[in-house]
């Protein structure tokens, strides 16, 4: 986190974007609207983000793209997620103009959805 904080401050960043791809998730978790709502609530508390309204969680698609999608507005931007039923993968994006710890968010997300591994990409927005 120290490296991210240093770069964020050095570049006078506008915000931070984390994209988390989680592999081999627990199928029951990614197929449960209630679990996804619980996840985003707990994630917001963990990274100290204030939810703005209720999350939107909708199931749609066919084949490879079938699954739930999530949008949660936060006071400093938004969290989105897409959950792929066919491959048991989760794709989470967190964008905020308030600094947070991307590694902590990624580890929590992997653990919550029972993933075996994840890939994290972080982008500092200017």
Foldseek 3Di string as FASTA:
>chain_A
DVVVVVVCVVVVFQKKKKKKKFAPFDLVQQQDPVNVQVLVVVLCVQFVWAWDDGKDWDFDDDDQQTGIKIWTATPFGIKIKGAGNVGRMIIIMDMGSDDGDNVVSNVSVCVSRVGPDMDMDMDTHD
